[in-house]
Amino acid sequence: MPYVNIRITKEDATAEQKKQLIKGVTNLLADVLGKNPKTTVVIIDEVDTDNWGIEGEAVTDIRKK
């Protein structure tokens, strides 16, 4: 039973885009590894940019520059 966790910054991903990600990842696992879509779990975590850091800075601050 595959479990995939996708983490993205909480910004502009629409419900439709997230549905496409879930479907696409599920299909990819089925096509490449032969995994059963009925037992494939995909979770999308949306993280606030204040809680996502790159090179020691919060993404919120980086984007303000």
Protein backbone atom coordinates (compact mmCIF):
# COMPACT_ATOMS: atom_id res chain seq x y z
CA MET A 1 0.00 0.00 0.00
CA PRO A 2 1.85 3.11 -1.20
CA TYR A 3 1.66 6.23 0.92
CA VAL A 4 2.74 9.51 -0.70
CA ASN A 5 2.97 12.78 1.18
CA ILE A 6 3.21 15.96 -0.89
CA ARG A 7 4.11 19.17 0.91
CA ILE A 8 3.56 22.51 -0.75
CA THR A 9 3.43 26.06 0.51
CA LYS A 10 -0.06 27.22 1.38
CA GLU A 11 -0.73 29.71 -1.35
CA ASP A 12 -2.54 29.39 -4.63
CA ALA A 13 -3.08 25.68 -5.28
CA THR A 14 -6.73 25.24 -6.23
CA ALA A 15 -8.89 22.28 -5.31
CA GLU A 16 -8.77 21.20 -8.96
CA GLN A 17 -4.95 21.32 -9.05
CA LYS A 18 -4.77 19.21 -5.89
CA LYS A 19 -7.19 16.68 -7.42
CA GLN A 20 -4.88 16.50 -10.45
CA LEU A 21 -1.85 15.91 -8.22
CA ILE A 22 -3.62 13.11 -6.37
CA LYS A 23 -4.78 11.46 -9.58
CA GLY A 24 -1.44 11.94 -11.33
CA VAL A 25 0.64 10.47 -8.50
CA THR A 26 -1.75 7.55 -8.14
CA ASN A 27 -1.59 6.85 -11.88
CA LEU A 28 2.21 7.17 -11.90
CA LEU A 29 2.58 4.56 -9.17
CA ALA A 30 0.21 2.25 -11.02
CA ASP A 31 1.98 2.72 -14.36
CA VAL A 32 5.59 2.56 -13.16
CA LEU A 33 5.42 0.17 -10.21
CA GLY A 34 2.17 -1.67 -10.88
CA LYS A 35 0.66 -0.46 -7.60
CA ASN A 36 -3.06 -0.85 -7.03
CA PRO A 37 -4.80 2.56 -7.13
CA LYS A 38 -7.38 1.27 -4.64
CA THR A 39 -4.72 0.97 -1.96
CA THR A 40 -2.67 4.06 -2.85
CA VAL A 41 -2.88 6.93 -0.37
CA VAL A 42 -1.88 10.46 -1.37
CA ILE A 43 -1.89 13.27 1.18
CA ILE A 44 -1.22 16.92 0.43
CA ASP A 45 0.02 19.05 3.32
CA GLU A 46 -0.11 22.79 2.82
CA VAL A 47 2.45 24.61 4.92
CA ASP A 48 2.24 28.31 5.70
CA THR A 49 5.18 30.19 4.19
CA ASP A 50 6.11 31.41 7.70
CA ASN A 51 6.80 27.75 8.53
CA TRP A 52 8.81 26.91 5.40
CA GLY A 53 12.45 27.92 5.40
CA ILE A 54 15.15 27.98 2.74
CA GLU A 55 18.76 28.88 3.50
CA GLY A 56 17.87 30.01 7.00
CA GLU A 57 15.01 32.31 6.02
CA ALA A 58 11.26 31.93 6.02
CA VAL A 59 9.75 31.84 2.54
CA THR A 60 7.47 34.73 3.56
CA ASP A 61 10.53 36.94 4.09
CA ILE A 62 12.27 35.74 0.95
CA ARG A 63 9.24 36.61 -1.18
CA LYS A 64 9.07 40.12 0.29
CA LYS A 65 12.50 40.92 -1.14
